[in-house]
Amino acid sequence: MAYGLVICCFAAARDGLDKTIQYTIDGSCNPGIFSLVSVPNIVGCVGAAIIIIAAIATPIAKSQHMREIWFYVMSGGVMLKIVVMEIARIIQMF
């Protein structure tokens, strides 16, 4: 899980999310490739929330079947983030 969080941080830096936030706050730099309120950023936040909820719920689950379901929920959140961000990057290039 820690590896996945590191990858998400690198992807956010690659897309300039830190610059977008700084631009929104004080305008002292150019924004990143997505605006702060955009579909990729909103879906990214929803996906992150799904991952966090599933990461907390998985160890608490009482049966192996429920752990498996939470694992698939977490994996779905990861795939949602990756697919939306990469499709948005491809659309942004054209």
PDB file of N, CA and C in Angstrom:
ATOM      1  N   MET A   1       0.819  -1.184   0.000  1.00  0.00           N
ATOM      2  CA  MET A   1       0.000   0.000   0.000  1.00  0.00           C
ATOM      3  C   MET A   1       0.871   1.259   0.000  1.00  0.00           C
ATOM      4  N   ALA A   2       1.955   1.222   0.736  1.00  0.00           N
ATOM      5  CA  ALA A   2       2.843   2.387   0.778  1.00  0.00           C
ATOM      6  C   ALA A   2       3.432   2.662  -0.603  1.00  0.00           C
ATOM      7  N   TYR A   3       3.751   1.596  -1.327  1.00  0.00           N
ATOM      8  CA  TYR A   3       4.276   1.756  -2.686  1.00  0.00           C
ATOM      9  C   TYR A   3       3.247   2.466  -3.569  1.00  0.00           C
ATOM     10  N   GLY A   4       1.983   2.093  -3.443  1.00  0.00           N
ATOM     11  CA  GLY A   4       0.929   2.725  -4.225  1.00  0.00           C
ATOM     12  C   GLY A   4       0.772   4.196  -3.895  1.00  0.00           C
ATOM     13  N   LEU A   5       0.904   4.541  -2.609  1.00  0.00           N
ATOM     14  CA  LEU A   5       0.811   5.941  -2.217  1.00  0.00           C
ATOM     15  C   LEU A   5       1.971   6.747  -2.781  1.00  0.00           C
ATOM     16  N   VAL A   6       3.150   6.153  -2.817  1.00  0.00           N
ATOM     17  CA  VAL A   6       4.312   6.840  -3.390  1.00  0.00           C
ATOM     18  C   VAL A   6       4.095   7.072  -4.884  1.00  0.00           C
ATOM     19  N   ILE A   7       3.576   6.079  -5.573  1.00  0.00           N
ATOM     20  CA  ILE A   7       3.289   6.211  -7.007  1.00  0.00           C
ATOM     21  C   ILE A   7       2.264   7.322  -7.243  1.00  0.00           C
ATOM     22  N   CYS A   8       1.222   7.387  -6.393  1.00  0.00           N
ATOM     23  CA  CYS A   8       0.215   8.451  -6.533  1.00  0.00           C
ATOM     24  C   CYS A   8       0.835   9.829  -6.329  1.00  0.00           C
ATOM     25  N   CYS A   9       1.758   9.930  -5.383  1.00  0.00           N
ATOM     26  CA  CYS A   9       2.429  11.215  -5.144  1.00  0.00           C
ATOM     27  C   CYS A   9       3.262  11.620  -6.355  1.00  0.00           C
ATOM     28  N   PHE A  10       3.970  10.670  -6.953  1.00  0.00           N
ATOM     29  CA  PHE A  10       4.756  10.986  -8.148  1.00  0.00           C
ATOM     30  C   PHE A  10       3.848  11.377  -9.314  1.00  0.00           C
ATOM     31  N   ALA A  11       2.706  10.711  -9.444  1.00  0.00           N
ATOM     32  CA  ALA A  11       1.771  11.056 -10.526  1.00  0.00           C
ATOM     33  C   ALA A  11       1.202  12.456 -10.318  1.00  0.00           C
ATOM     34  N   ALA A  12       0.889  12.816  -9.072  1.00  0.00           N
ATOM     35  CA  ALA A  12       0.385  14.162  -8.785  1.00  0.00           C
ATOM     36  C   ALA A  12       1.454  15.204  -9.102  1.00  0.00           C
ATOM     37  N   ALA A  13       2.709  14.907  -8.775  1.00  0.00           N
ATOM     38  CA  ALA A  13       3.800  15.840  -9.089  1.00  0.00           C
ATOM     39  C   ALA A  13       4.009  15.929 -10.603  1.00  0.00           C
ATOM     40  N   ARG A  14       3.894  14.797 -11.300  1.00  0.00           N
ATOM     41  CA  ARG A  14       4.047  14.784 -12.753  1.00  0.00           C
ATOM     42  C   ARG A  14       2.989  15.667 -13.421  1.00  0.00           C
ATOM     43  N   ASP A  15       1.767  15.623 -12.900  1.00  0.00           N
ATOM     44  CA  ASP A  15       0.673  16.402 -13.486  1.00  0.00           C
ATOM     45  C   ASP A  15       0.636  17.835 -12.969  1.00  0.00           C
ATOM     46  N   GLY A  16       1.510  18.177 -12.039  1.00  0.00           N
ATOM     47  CA  GLY A  16       1.587  19.545 -11.542  1.00  0.00           C
ATOM     48  C   GLY A  16       0.472  19.927 -10.592  1.00  0.00           C
ATOM     49  N   LEU A  17      -0.054  18.965  -9.834  1.00  0.00           N
ATOM     50  CA  LEU A  17      -1.137  19.272  -8.900  1.00  0.00           C
ATOM     51  C   LEU A  17      -0.688  20.275  -7.842  1.00  0.00           C
ATOM     52  N   ASP A  18       0.559  20.171  -7.402  1.00  0.00           N
ATOM     53  CA  ASP A  18       1.064  21.131  -6.417  1.00  0.00           C
ATOM     54  C   ASP A  18       1.091  22.548  -6.991  1.00  0.00           C
ATOM     55  N   LYS A  19       1.444  22.665  -8.266  1.00  0.00           N
ATOM     56  CA  LYS A  19       1.461  23.984  -8.916  1.00  0.00           C
ATOM     57  C   LYS A  19       0.038  24.515  -9.105  1.00  0.00           C
ATOM     58  N   THR A  20      -0.892  23.617  -9.406  1.00  0.00           N
ATOM     59  CA  THR A  20      -2.286  24.034  -9.550  1.00  0.00           C
ATOM     60  C   THR A  20      -2.826  24.588  -8.240  1.00  0.00           C
ATOM     61  N   ILE A  21      -2.508  23.919  -7.133  1.00  0.00           N
ATOM     62  CA  ILE A  21      -2.970  24.384  -5.819  1.00  0.00           C
ATOM     63  C   ILE A  21      -2.327  25.726  -5.485  1.00  0.00           C
ATOM     64  N   GLN A  22      -1.026  25.855  -5.721  1.00  0.00           N
ATOM     65  CA  GLN A  22      -0.338  27.118  -5.440  1.00  0.00           C
ATOM     66  C   GLN A  22      -0.890  28.238  -6.317  1.00  0.00           C
ATOM     67  N   TYR A  23      -1.150  27.953  -7.585  1.00  0.00           N
ATOM     68  CA  TYR A  23      -1.719  28.948  -8.494  1.00  0.00           C
ATOM     69  C   TYR A  23      -3.100  29.386  -8.010  1.00  0.00           C
ATOM     70  N   THR A  24      -3.898  28.433  -7.519  1.00  0.00           N
ATOM     71  CA  THR A  24      -5.233  28.757  -7.028  1.00  0.00           C
ATOM     72  C   THR A  24      -5.175  29.624  -5.779  1.00  0.00           C
ATOM     73  N   ILE A  25      -4.194  29.373  -4.925  1.00  0.00           N
ATOM     74  CA  ILE A  25      -4.086  30.118  -3.670  1.00  0.00           C
ATOM     75  C   ILE A  25      -3.584  31.537  -3.900  1.00  0.00           C
ATOM     76  N   ASP A  26      -2.446  31.669  -4.582  1.00  0.00           N
ATOM     77  CA  ASP A  26      -1.867  33.016  -4.687  1.00  0.00           C
ATOM     78  C   ASP A  26      -1.462  33.441  -6.096  1.00  0.00           C
ATOM     79  N   GLY A  27      -1.566  32.561  -7.077  1.00  0.00           N
ATOM     80  CA  GLY A  27      -1.262  32.933  -8.447  1.00  0.00           C
ATOM     81  C   GLY A  27       0.211  33.208  -8.730  1.00  0.00           C
ATOM     82  N   SER A  28       1.101  32.694  -7.881  1.00  0.00           N
ATOM     83  CA  SER A  28       2.520  33.008  -8.030  1.00  0.00           C
ATOM     84  C   SER A  28       3.255  32.107  -9.023  1.00  0.00           C
ATOM     85  N   CYS A  29       2.562  31.158  -9.630  1.00  0.00           N
ATOM     86  CA  CYS A  29       3.215  30.296 -10.622  1.00  0.00           C
ATOM     87  C   CYS A  29       2.180  29.880 -11.666  1.00  0.00           C
ATOM     88  N   ASN A  30       2.630  29.221 -12.701  1.00  0.00           N
ATOM     89  CA  ASN A  30       1.717  28.702 -13.711  1.00  0.00           C
ATOM     90  C   ASN A  30       1.018  27.462 -13.173  1.00  0.00           C
ATOM     91  N   PRO A  31      -0.245  27.242 -13.541  1.00  0.00           N
ATOM     92  CA  PRO A  31      -0.948  26.056 -13.038  1.00  0.00           C
ATOM     93  C   PRO A  31      -0.445  24.785 -13.708  1.00  0.00           C
ATOM     94  N   GLY A  32      -0.801  23.642 -13.106  1.00  0.00           N
ATOM     95  CA  GLY A  32      -0.481  22.345 -13.694  1.00  0.00           C
ATOM     96  C   GLY A  32      -1.389  22.069 -14.878  1.00  0.00           C
ATOM     97  N   ILE A  33      -1.402  20.825 -15.353  1.00  0.00           N
ATOM     98  CA  ILE A  33      -2.146  20.532 -16.581  1.00  0.00           C
ATOM     99  C   ILE A  33      -3.650  20.447 -16.364  1.00  0.00           C
ATOM    100  N   PHE A  34      -4.120  20.236 -15.135  1.00  0.00           N
ATOM    101  CA  PHE A  34      -5.549  20.191 -14.846  1.00  0.00           C
ATOM    102  C   PHE A  34      -5.909  21.312 -13.885  1.00  0.00           C
ATOM    103  N   SER A  35      -7.107  21.871 -14.045  1.00  0.00           N
ATOM    104  CA  SER A  35      -7.555  22.876 -13.084  1.00  0.00           C
ATOM    105  C   SER A  35      -7.912  22.184 -11.777  1.00  0.00           C
ATOM    106  N   LEU A  36      -8.009  22.961 -10.714  1.00  0.00           N
ATOM    107  CA  LEU A  36      -8.267  22.378  -9.394  1.00  0.00           C
ATOM    108  C   LEU A  36      -9.630  21.699  -9.343  1.00  0.00           C
ATOM    109  N   VAL A  37     -10.626  22.310  -9.939  1.00  0.00           N
ATOM    110  CA  VAL A  37     -11.958  21.701  -9.990  1.00  0.00           C
ATOM    111  C   VAL A  37     -12.155  21.173 -11.408  1.00  0.00           C
ATOM    112  N   SER A  38     -11.751  19.934 -11.593  1.00  0.00           N
ATOM    113  CA  SER A  38     -11.881  19.277 -12.894  1.00  0.00           C
ATOM    114  C   SER A  38     -12.241  17.817 -12.661  1.00  0.00           C
ATOM    115  N   VAL A  39     -12.712  17.179 -13.705  1.00  0.00           N
ATOM    116  CA  VAL A  39     -13.117  15.778 -13.585  1.00  0.00           C
ATOM    117  C   VAL A  39     -11.961  14.895 -13.105  1.00  0.00           C
ATOM    118  N   PRO A  40     -10.746  15.000 -13.663  1.00  0.00           N
ATOM    119  CA  PRO A  40      -9.667  14.138 -13.179  1.00  0.00           C
ATOM    120  C   PRO A  40      -9.348  14.344 -11.703  1.00  0.00           C
ATOM    121  N   ASN A  41      -9.359  15.592 -11.236  1.00  0.00           N
ATOM    122  CA  ASN A  41      -9.045  15.833  -9.827  1.00  0.00           C
ATOM    123  C   ASN A  41     -10.157  15.359  -8.906  1.00  0.00           C
ATOM    124  N   ILE A  42     -11.401  15.557  -9.294  1.00  0.00           N
ATOM    125  CA  ILE A  42     -12.520  15.103  -8.468  1.00  0.00           C
ATOM    126  C   ILE A  42     -12.562  13.581  -8.417  1.00  0.00           C
ATOM    127  N   VAL A  43     -12.395  12.932  -9.567  1.00  0.00           N
ATOM    128  CA  VAL A  43     -12.378  11.467  -9.595  1.00  0.00           C
ATOM    129  C   VAL A  43     -11.176  10.938  -8.811  1.00  0.00           C
ATOM    130  N   GLY A  44     -10.045  11.646  -8.893  1.00  0.00           N
ATOM    131  CA  GLY A  44      -8.877  11.251  -8.110  1.00  0.00           C
ATOM    132  C   GLY A  44      -9.139  11.304  -6.620  1.00  0.00           C
ATOM    133  N   CYS A  45      -9.852  12.321  -6.178  1.00  0.00           N
ATOM    134  CA  CYS A  45     -10.194  12.430  -4.753  1.00  0.00           C
ATOM    135  C   CYS A  45     -11.173  11.341  -4.334  1.00  0.00           C
ATOM    136  N   VAL A  46     -12.155  11.057  -5.172  1.00  0.00           N
ATOM    137  CA  VAL A  46     -13.111   9.986  -4.870  1.00  0.00           C
ATOM    138  C   VAL A  46     -12.389   8.641  -4.830  1.00  0.00           C
ATOM    139  N   GLY A  47     -11.508   8.404  -5.802  1.00  0.00           N
ATOM    140  CA  GLY A  47     -10.735   7.164  -5.809  1.00  0.00           C
ATOM    141  C   GLY A  47      -9.856   7.031  -4.583  1.00  0.00           C
ATOM    142  N   ALA A  48      -9.244   8.130  -4.162  1.00  0.00           N
ATOM    143  CA  ALA A  48      -8.412   8.108  -2.952  1.00  0.00           C
ATOM    144  C   ALA A  48      -9.254   7.797  -1.722  1.00  0.00           C
ATOM    145  N   ALA A  49     -10.463   8.367  -1.658  1.00  0.00           N
ATOM    146  CA  ALA A  49     -11.352   8.080  -0.533  1.00  0.00           C
ATOM    147  C   ALA A  49     -11.740   6.598  -0.504  1.00  0.00           C
ATOM    148  N   ILE A  50     -12.023   6.037  -1.675  1.00  0.00           N
ATOM    149  CA  ILE A  50     -12.353   4.605  -1.758  1.00  0.00           C
ATOM    150  C   ILE A  50     -11.181   3.767  -1.268  1.00  0.00           C
ATOM    151  N   ILE A  51      -9.969   4.111  -1.689  1.00  0.00           N
ATOM    152  CA  ILE A  51      -8.779   3.364  -1.285  1.00  0.00           C
ATOM    153  C   ILE A  51      -8.580   3.446   0.226  1.00  0.00           C
ATOM    154  N   ILE A  52      -8.734   4.634   0.797  1.00  0.00           N
ATOM    155  CA  ILE A  52      -8.529   4.802   2.237  1.00  0.00           C
ATOM    156  C   ILE A  52      -9.577   4.032   3.032  1.00  0.00           C
ATOM    157  N   ILE A  53     -10.840   4.136   2.630  1.00  0.00           N
ATOM    158  CA  ILE A  53     -11.904   3.406   3.335  1.00  0.00           C
ATOM    159  C   ILE A  53     -11.665   1.907   3.266  1.00  0.00           C
ATOM    160  N   ALA A  54     -11.313   1.403   2.082  1.00  0.00           N
ATOM    161  CA  ALA A  54     -11.061  -0.029   1.933  1.00  0.00           C
ATOM    162  C   ALA A  54      -9.831  -0.468   2.717  1.00  0.00           C
ATOM    163  N   ALA A  55      -8.804   0.386   2.768  1.00  0.00           N
ATOM    164  CA  ALA A  55      -7.588   0.040   3.517  1.00  0.00           C
ATOM    165  C   ALA A  55      -7.872  -0.044   5.017  1.00  0.00           C
ATOM    166  N   ILE A  56      -8.779   0.782   5.498  1.00  0.00           N
ATOM    167  CA  ILE A  56      -9.143   0.722   6.918  1.00  0.00           C
ATOM    168  C   ILE A  56     -10.068  -0.460   7.190  1.00  0.00           C
ATOM    169  N   ALA A  57     -10.994  -0.730   6.280  1.00  0.00           N
ATOM    170  CA  ALA A  57     -11.990  -1.778   6.499  1.00  0.00           C
ATOM    171  C   ALA A  57     -11.443  -3.184   6.310  1.00  0.00           C
ATOM    172  N   THR A  58     -10.433  -3.352   5.473  1.00  0.00           N
ATOM    173  CA  THR A  58      -9.924  -4.701   5.189  1.00  0.00           C
ATOM    174  C   THR A  58      -9.418  -5.421   6.438  1.00  0.00           C
ATOM    175  N   PRO A  59      -8.558  -4.820   7.261  1.00  0.00           N
ATOM    176  CA  PRO A  59      -8.107  -5.549   8.457  1.00  0.00           C
ATOM    177  C   PRO A  59      -9.216  -5.767   9.496  1.00  0.00           C
ATOM    178  N   ILE A  60     -10.243  -4.937   9.460  1.00  0.00           N
ATOM    179  CA  ILE A  60     -11.335  -5.066  10.429  1.00  0.00           C
ATOM    180  C   ILE A  60     -12.320  -6.164  10.027  1.00  0.00           C
ATOM    181  N   ALA A  61     -12.370  -6.490   8.747  1.00  0.00           N
ATOM    182  CA  ALA A  61     -13.318  -7.493   8.249  1.00  0.00           C
ATOM    183  C   ALA A  61     -13.127  -8.818   8.974  1.00  0.00           C
ATOM    184  N   LYS A  62     -14.234  -9.458   9.311  1.00  0.00           N
ATOM    185  CA  LYS A  62     -14.174 -10.674  10.125  1.00  0.00           C
ATOM    186  C   LYS A  62     -13.948 -11.937   9.312  1.00  0.00           C
ATOM    187  N   SER A  63     -14.332 -11.938   8.057  1.00  0.00           N
ATOM    188  CA  SER A  63     -14.169 -13.161   7.272  1.00  0.00           C
ATOM    189  C   SER A  63     -13.224 -12.910   6.087  1.00  0.00           C
ATOM    190  N   GLN A  64     -12.678 -13.991   5.604  1.00  0.00           N
ATOM    191  CA  GLN A  64     -11.792 -13.900   4.440  1.00  0.00           C
ATOM    192  C   GLN A  64     -12.551 -13.413   3.218  1.00  0.00           C
ATOM    193  N   HIS A  65     -13.812 -13.795   3.106  1.00  0.00           N
ATOM    194  CA  HIS A  65     -14.634 -13.364   1.972  1.00  0.00           C
ATOM    195  C   HIS A  65     -14.801 -11.840   1.983  1.00  0.00           C
ATOM    196  N   MET A  66     -15.050 -11.253   3.136  1.00  0.00           N
ATOM    197  CA  MET A  66     -15.201  -9.789   3.217  1.00  0.00           C
ATOM    198  C   MET A  66     -13.872  -9.092   2.931  1.00  0.00           C
ATOM    199  N   ARG A  67     -12.763  -9.671   3.394  1.00  0.00           N
ATOM    200  CA  ARG A  67     -11.450  -9.089   3.075  1.00  0.00           C
ATOM    201  C   ARG A  67     -11.215  -9.083   1.574  1.00  0.00           C
ATOM    202  N   GLU A  68     -11.639 -10.153   0.930  1.00  0.00           N
ATOM    203  CA  GLU A  68     -11.486 -10.243  -0.511  1.00  0.00           C
ATOM    204  C   GLU A  68     -12.338  -9.176  -1.215  1.00  0.00           C
ATOM    205  N   ILE A  69     -13.548  -8.985  -0.755  1.00  0.00           N
ATOM    206  CA  ILE A  69     -14.415  -7.960  -1.339  1.00  0.00           C
ATOM    207  C   ILE A  69     -13.794  -6.580  -1.157  1.00  0.00           C
ATOM    208  N   TRP A  70     -13.286  -6.275   0.044  1.00  0.00           N
ATOM    209  CA  TRP A  70     -12.654  -4.972   0.287  1.00  0.00           C
ATOM    210  C   TRP A  70     -11.406  -4.805  -0.570  1.00  0.00           C
ATOM    211  N   PHE A  71     -10.674  -5.887  -0.798  1.00  0.00           N
ATOM    212  CA  PHE A  71      -9.509  -5.823  -1.676  1.00  0.00           C
ATOM    213  C   PHE A  71      -9.936  -5.438  -3.093  1.00  0.00           C
ATOM    214  N   TYR A  72     -11.026  -6.025  -3.580  1.00  0.00           N
ATOM    215  CA  TYR A  72     -11.510  -5.683  -4.919  1.00  0.00           C
ATOM    216  C   TYR A  72     -12.031  -4.247  -4.977  1.00  0.00           C
ATOM    217  N   VAL A  73     -12.645  -3.779  -3.904  1.00  0.00           N
ATOM    218  CA  VAL A  73     -13.085  -2.379  -3.852  1.00  0.00           C
ATOM    219  C   VAL A  73     -11.873  -1.456  -3.940  1.00  0.00           C
ATOM    220  N   MET A  74     -10.821  -1.782  -3.168  1.00  0.00           N
ATOM    221  CA  MET A  74      -9.597  -0.976  -3.194  1.00  0.00           C
ATOM    222  C   MET A  74      -8.960  -1.007  -4.579  1.00  0.00           C
ATOM    223  N   SER A  75      -8.903  -2.159  -5.185  1.00  0.00           N
ATOM    224  CA  SER A  75      -8.336  -2.279  -6.524  1.00  0.00           C
ATOM    225  C   SER A  75      -9.155  -1.502  -7.542  1.00  0.00           C
ATOM    226  N   GLY A  76     -10.475  -1.504  -7.371  1.00  0.00           N
ATOM    227  CA  GLY A  76     -11.335  -0.722  -8.258  1.00  0.00           C
ATOM    228  C   GLY A  76     -11.072   0.766  -8.133  1.00  0.00           C
ATOM    229  N   GLY A  77     -10.834   1.239  -6.906  1.00  0.00           N
ATOM    230  CA  GLY A  77     -10.497   2.652  -6.706  1.00  0.00           C
ATOM    231  C   GLY A  77      -9.198   3.024  -7.389  1.00  0.00           C
ATOM    232  N   VAL A  78      -8.224   2.136  -7.299  1.00  0.00           N
ATOM    233  CA  VAL A  78      -6.930   2.384  -7.949  1.00  0.00           C
ATOM    234  C   VAL A  78      -7.099   2.427  -9.464  1.00  0.00           C
ATOM    235  N   MET A  79      -7.818   1.455 -10.001  1.00  0.00           N
ATOM    236  CA  MET A  79      -8.020   1.421 -11.452  1.00  0.00           C
ATOM    237  C   MET A  79      -8.810   2.630 -11.936  1.00  0.00           C
ATOM    238  N   LEU A  80      -9.805   3.055 -11.164  1.00  0.00           N
ATOM    239  CA  LEU A  80     -10.577   4.241 -11.517  1.00  0.00           C
ATOM    240  C   LEU A  80      -9.671   5.453 -11.636  1.00  0.00           C
ATOM    241  N   LYS A  81      -8.799   5.647 -10.647  1.00  0.00           N
ATOM    242  CA  LYS A  81      -7.885   6.791 -10.674  1.00  0.00           C
ATOM    243  C   LYS A  81      -6.944   6.725 -11.870  1.00  0.00           C
ATOM    244  N   ILE A  82      -6.361   5.567 -12.088  1.00  0.00           N
ATOM    245  CA  ILE A  82      -5.383   5.424 -13.175  1.00  0.00           C
ATOM    246  C   ILE A  82      -6.036   5.653 -14.536  1.00  0.00           C
ATOM    247  N   VAL A  83      -7.161   5.006 -14.783  1.00  0.00           N
ATOM    248  CA  VAL A  83      -7.807   5.102 -16.092  1.00  0.00           C
ATOM    249  C   VAL A  83      -8.247   6.535 -16.378  1.00  0.00           C
ATOM    250  N   VAL A  84      -8.912   7.179 -15.418  1.00  0.00           N
ATOM    251  CA  VAL A  84      -9.396   8.539 -15.653  1.00  0.00           C
ATOM    252  C   VAL A  84      -8.238   9.508 -15.861  1.00  0.00           C
ATOM    253  N   MET A  85      -7.206   9.422 -15.041  1.00  0.00           N
ATOM    254  CA  MET A  85      -6.078  10.348 -15.169  1.00  0.00           C
ATOM    255  C   MET A  85      -5.344  10.162 -16.495  1.00  0.00           C
ATOM    256  N   GLU A  86      -5.109   8.933 -16.897  1.00  0.00           N
ATOM    257  CA  GLU A  86      -4.373   8.706 -18.135  1.00  0.00           C
ATOM    258  C   GLU A  86      -5.196   9.072 -19.364  1.00  0.00           C
ATOM    259  N   ILE A  87      -6.495   8.801 -19.345  1.00  0.00           N
ATOM    260  CA  ILE A  87      -7.342   9.221 -20.465  1.00  0.00           C
ATOM    261  C   ILE A  87      -7.391  10.746 -20.534  1.00  0.00           C
ATOM    262  N   ALA A  88      -7.481  11.406 -19.379  1.00  0.00           N
ATOM    263  CA  ALA A  88      -7.498  12.873 -19.365  1.00  0.00           C
ATOM    264  C   ALA A  88      -6.178  13.445 -19.870  1.00  0.00           C
ATOM    265  N   ARG A  89      -5.070  12.785 -19.549  1.00  0.00           N
ATOM    266  CA  ARG A  89      -3.764  13.254 -20.047  1.00  0.00           C
ATOM    267  C   ARG A  89      -3.700  13.116 -21.557  1.00  0.00           C
ATOM    268  N   ILE A  90      -4.225  12.022 -22.097  1.00  0.00           N
ATOM    269  CA  ILE A  90      -4.216  11.823 -23.544  1.00  0.00           C
ATOM    270  C   ILE A  90      -5.095  12.861 -24.232  1.00  0.00           C
ATOM    271  N   ILE A  91      -6.270  13.116 -23.670  1.00  0.00           N
ATOM    272  CA  ILE A  91      -7.171  14.129 -24.244  1.00  0.00           C
ATOM    273  C   ILE A  91      -6.524  15.509 -24.159  1.00  0.00           C
ATOM    274  N   GLN A  92      -5.833  15.792 -23.073  1.00  0.00           N
ATOM    275  CA  GLN A  92      -5.189  17.095 -22.865  1.00  0.00           C
ATOM    276  C   GLN A  92      -4.114  17.345 -23.931  1.00  0.00           C
ATOM    277  N   MET A  93      -3.468  16.291 -24.432  1.00  0.00           N
ATOM    278  CA  MET A  93      -2.397  16.463 -25.416  1.00  0.00           C
ATOM    279  C   MET A  93      -2.941  16.939 -26.763  1.00  0.00           C
ATOM    280  N   PHE A  94      -4.200  16.638 -27.069  1.00  0.00           N
ATOM    281  CA  PHE A  94      -4.748  17.000 -28.385  1.00  0.00           C
ATOM    282  C   PHE A  94      -5.517  18.251 -28.309  1.00  0.00           C
TER     283      PHE A  94
END
